[in-house]
Protein backbone atom coordinates (compact mmCIF):
# COMPACT_ATOMS: atom_id res chain seq x y z
CA MET A 1 13.80 -15.22 11.99
CA LYS A 2 10.60 -14.36 10.14
CA VAL A 3 10.10 -10.96 8.58
CA VAL A 4 6.68 -9.67 9.61
CA SER A 5 4.82 -6.47 8.89
CA VAL A 6 5.02 -5.47 12.56
CA PHE A 7 8.06 -3.47 11.47
CA LEU A 8 8.12 -3.90 7.74
CA ILE A 9 5.98 -2.73 4.87
CA LEU A 10 6.41 -4.89 1.79
CA ALA A 11 3.45 -3.73 -0.29
CA MET A 12 2.38 -0.17 0.38
CA MET A 13 -0.44 0.62 -1.95
CA SER A 14 -2.76 -1.16 -4.31
CA LEU A 15 -3.28 0.41 -7.74
CA SER A 16 -6.62 1.76 -6.62
CA ALA A 17 -4.99 3.53 -3.69
CA CYS A 18 -3.22 5.82 -6.14
CA LYS A 19 -6.58 7.15 -7.31
CA SER A 20 -6.68 9.57 -4.40
CA GLN A 21 -8.76 12.07 -6.35
CA LYS A 22 -11.67 9.65 -5.98
CA GLY A 23 -11.19 9.44 -2.25
CA ASN A 24 -9.94 5.85 -2.27
CA GLN A 25 -7.91 5.26 0.88
CA GLY A 26 -6.30 2.04 -0.33
CA THR A 27 -6.02 -1.35 1.31
CA MET A 28 -3.08 -2.68 3.28
CA ALA A 29 -1.71 -6.03 2.19
CA ASP A 30 -1.49 -7.34 5.77
CA PRO A 31 -4.58 -6.99 7.98
CA LYS A 32 -2.40 -7.77 11.02
CA ALA A 33 -0.04 -4.86 10.44
CA SER A 34 1.05 -2.97 13.52
CA LYS A 35 -0.44 0.38 14.52
CA LEU A 36 2.71 2.24 13.49
CA THR A 37 2.72 0.49 10.10
CA ALA A 38 -0.94 1.40 9.54
CA GLU A 39 -0.22 5.00 10.53
CA LEU A 40 2.62 5.24 8.02
CA PHE A 41 0.41 3.78 5.29
CA SER A 42 -2.32 6.32 6.05
CA ARG A 43 0.22 9.12 6.07
CA LEU A 44 1.48 8.17 2.61
CA ILE A 45 -2.06 7.99 1.24
CA GLU A 46 -2.87 11.37 2.76
CA ASN A 47 0.24 12.97 1.27
CA LEU A 48 -0.86 11.91 -2.21
CA LYS A 49 -3.43 14.68 -2.00
CA SER A 50 -1.00 17.49 -1.30
CA GLY A 51 2.16 16.89 -3.32
CA ILE A 52 5.43 14.99 -3.23
CA MET A 53 7.94 14.03 -0.54
CA ILE A 54 11.59 14.82 -1.21
CA GLY A 55 14.01 11.97 -0.55
CA HIS A 56 17.79 11.61 -0.42
CA GLN A 57 19.96 8.50 -0.38
CA ASP A 58 22.43 8.16 2.54
CA ASP A 59 21.60 11.73 3.57
CA LEU A 60 23.35 11.63 6.96
CA ALA A 61 26.19 9.32 5.98
CA TYR A 62 28.21 11.41 3.50
CA GLY A 63 27.96 14.33 1.12
CA ILE A 64 29.92 16.97 -0.76
CA GLY A 65 33.29 17.19 0.97
CA TRP A 66 32.32 15.35 4.15
CA LYS A 67 31.70 11.90 5.56
CA ALA A 68 29.63 10.95 8.60
CA PRO A 69 29.93 13.97 10.92
CA ASN A 70 27.11 14.07 13.42
CA GLY A 71 24.07 15.96 12.19
CA GLN A 72 25.48 16.72 8.75
CA SER A 73 23.19 16.75 5.71
CA ASP A 74 23.64 18.41 2.33
CA ILE A 75 19.89 18.87 2.05
CA PHE A 76 19.78 20.57 5.46
CA ARG A 77 22.72 22.80 4.54
CA MET A 78 20.85 23.99 1.45
CA CYS A 79 17.25 24.09 2.73
CA SER A 80 17.51 24.34 6.53
CA ASP A 81 15.43 21.19 6.76
CA TYR A 82 15.96 17.45 6.34
CA PRO A 83 14.41 15.42 3.51
CA ALA A 84 11.09 13.73 4.17
CA VAL A 85 12.35 10.36 2.91
CA PHE A 86 15.70 8.76 3.73
CA GLY A 87 17.04 6.06 1.44
CA TRP A 88 19.43 3.33 2.58
CA ASP A 89 20.77 0.17 0.99
CA LEU A 90 21.32 -3.24 2.56
CA GLY A 91 23.71 -4.51 -0.10
CA HIS A 92 26.40 -6.78 1.44
CA ILE A 93 24.41 -7.45 4.60
CA GLU A 94 23.87 -10.92 3.15
CA THR A 95 27.63 -11.57 3.40
CA GLY A 96 27.80 -10.63 7.08
CA ALA A 97 29.79 -7.48 6.26
CA ALA A 98 29.90 -4.58 8.72
CA VAL A 99 29.40 -1.97 5.96
CA ASN A 100 27.08 -1.80 2.98
CA LEU A 101 28.04 -1.52 -0.68
CA ASP A 102 28.34 2.26 -0.26
CA SER A 103 30.78 1.74 2.65
CA VAL A 104 28.25 2.96 5.22
CA PRO A 105 28.37 0.91 8.46
CA PHE A 106 25.12 -0.92 9.15
CA ASN A 107 25.33 0.21 12.77
CA ASP A 108 25.31 3.82 11.57
CA ILE A 109 22.38 3.17 9.23
CA ALA A 110 20.36 1.77 12.13
CA LYS A 111 21.21 4.84 14.22
CA TYR A 112 20.37 7.29 11.42
CA ALA A 113 17.12 5.51 10.60
CA ALA A 114 15.94 5.75 14.21
CA GLU A 115 17.02 9.37 14.45
CA MET A 116 15.16 10.41 11.33
CA TYR A 117 12.06 8.42 12.25
CA ALA A 118 11.98 10.37 15.52
CA ARG A 119 12.08 13.57 13.44
CA GLY A 120 9.10 12.40 11.40
CA GLY A 121 11.07 11.08 8.42
CA ILE A 122 10.33 7.95 6.42
CA ASN A 123 13.04 5.34 5.87
CA THR A 124 13.16 3.29 2.69
CA PHE A 125 15.52 0.37 2.13
CA SER A 126 16.66 -1.15 -1.14
CA TRP A 127 18.81 -4.29 -1.23
CA HIS A 128 21.42 -4.71 -3.96
CA CYS A 129 22.19 -8.24 -2.81
CA ASN A 130 24.87 -10.30 -4.50
CA ASN A 131 24.10 -12.89 -7.15
CA PRO A 132 23.61 -16.05 -5.04
CA LEU A 133 24.24 -18.37 -7.98
CA THR A 134 27.52 -16.91 -9.24
CA GLY A 135 28.84 -15.01 -6.25
CA GLY A 136 28.94 -11.86 -8.37
CA SER A 137 27.33 -8.52 -7.65
CA ALA A 138 23.68 -7.54 -8.05
CA TRP A 139 24.62 -6.36 -11.54
CA ASP A 140 25.86 -9.82 -12.62
CA VAL A 141 23.25 -10.71 -15.23
CA LYS A 142 25.28 -13.05 -17.44
CA THR A 143 23.89 -16.25 -15.93
CA PRO A 144 20.16 -17.12 -16.28
CA GLY A 145 18.19 -19.02 -13.67
CA VAL A 146 19.28 -17.09 -10.57
CA VAL A 147 15.73 -16.34 -9.43
CA LYS A 148 14.76 -19.97 -9.93
CA SER A 149 17.73 -21.04 -7.78
CA ILE A 150 16.47 -19.16 -4.71
CA LEU A 151 12.90 -20.48 -4.86
CA PRO A 152 11.86 -23.55 -2.85
CA GLY A 153 13.59 -26.58 -4.36
CA GLY A 154 16.33 -24.43 -5.89
CA ASP A 155 20.03 -24.98 -5.24
CA LYS A 156 20.38 -21.63 -3.46
CA ASN A 157 17.09 -21.58 -1.56
CA ALA A 158 18.62 -22.44 1.83
CA GLU A 159 21.42 -19.91 1.40
CA PHE A 160 19.02 -17.18 0.34
CA ASN A 161 16.87 -17.87 3.39
CA GLN A 162 19.96 -17.28 5.52
CA TRP A 163 20.40 -13.96 3.74
CA LEU A 164 16.80 -13.07 4.56
CA ASP A 165 17.47 -13.91 8.21
CA ARG A 166 20.28 -11.35 8.22
CA VAL A 167 17.98 -8.73 6.71
CA ALA A 168 15.29 -9.55 9.28
CA GLY A 169 17.85 -9.32 12.07
CA PHE A 170 18.79 -5.82 10.96
CA PHE A 171 15.19 -4.63 10.75
CA ALA A 172 14.46 -6.10 14.18
CA ARG A 173 17.05 -3.69 15.60
CA LEU A 174 15.15 -0.63 14.44
CA LYS A 175 13.15 0.63 17.43
CA ASP A 176 11.64 3.97 18.37
CA GLY A 177 12.08 5.72 21.72
CA ASN A 178 9.43 3.49 23.27
CA GLY A 179 11.04 0.29 22.07
CA GLU A 180 8.44 -0.19 19.35
CA PRO A 181 9.58 -1.52 15.95
CA ILE A 182 10.00 1.26 13.39
CA PRO A 183 8.00 0.78 10.17
CA VAL A 184 10.04 1.12 6.99
CA LEU A 185 9.52 0.81 3.25
CA PHE A 186 11.42 -2.28 2.10
CA ARG A 187 12.10 -2.53 -1.63
CA PRO A 188 13.60 -5.94 -2.39
CA PHE A 189 14.05 -6.73 -6.09
CA HIS A 190 13.57 -3.07 -6.96
CA GLU A 191 13.48 -1.86 -10.58
CA HIS A 192 12.51 -5.39 -11.62
CA THR A 193 10.86 -4.21 -14.83
CA GLY A 194 14.36 -3.51 -16.18
CA SER A 195 17.22 -5.96 -16.51
CA LEU A 196 20.10 -4.24 -14.72
CA PHE A 197 20.01 -6.80 -11.91
CA TRP A 198 19.86 -10.60 -11.71
CA TRP A 199 16.16 -10.39 -10.73
CA GLY A 200 15.22 -8.30 -13.80
CA LYS A 201 12.50 -9.09 -16.32
CA ASP A 202 14.80 -10.66 -18.90
CA LEU A 203 16.31 -13.02 -16.32
CA CYS A 204 13.09 -14.66 -15.07
CA THR A 205 9.40 -14.97 -15.79
CA PRO A 206 6.66 -12.77 -14.29
CA GLU A 207 5.50 -15.74 -12.23
């Protein structure tokens, strides 16, 4: 299954797009992006002019003294409103697990993401995927060459492509009330300028 920008935003803004004070509206990376994707991009650019958007990880899944009751949210309890951005993680989806690394069921994440999109929220997904070379966690940085192993010609390229298929399968499930794919912010290899994870700057080259 191929991940396409019909329901997925991989690169949201060019550097010039951040210069909103000069009226630059930015350029999308994919000219074939869906209407909903383009609308989300424009919304993010527009919001640069007025302030920030508050986000919360796993907002509907658990909180202080509770876990997964319907409609619960610590942010809502404090502010009488939900956050603008909802963060989720896909860690362990690559293994075929039913729950992510935070023990949140993927079925619930899909439900929450659709619910919050309908409310006008933005969903962002990180992916703390396991180390494909060692079988360790995303934080296993003792072995060099992991990134090289997943590239074409690498020992783990085929396996990593299977992992990507599982990610794509999950995103393909995210639909709005009209059956249209929900656009999300996907952040694979996040925080790559540090070296906390096997894809970090000290574990590979910029190229």
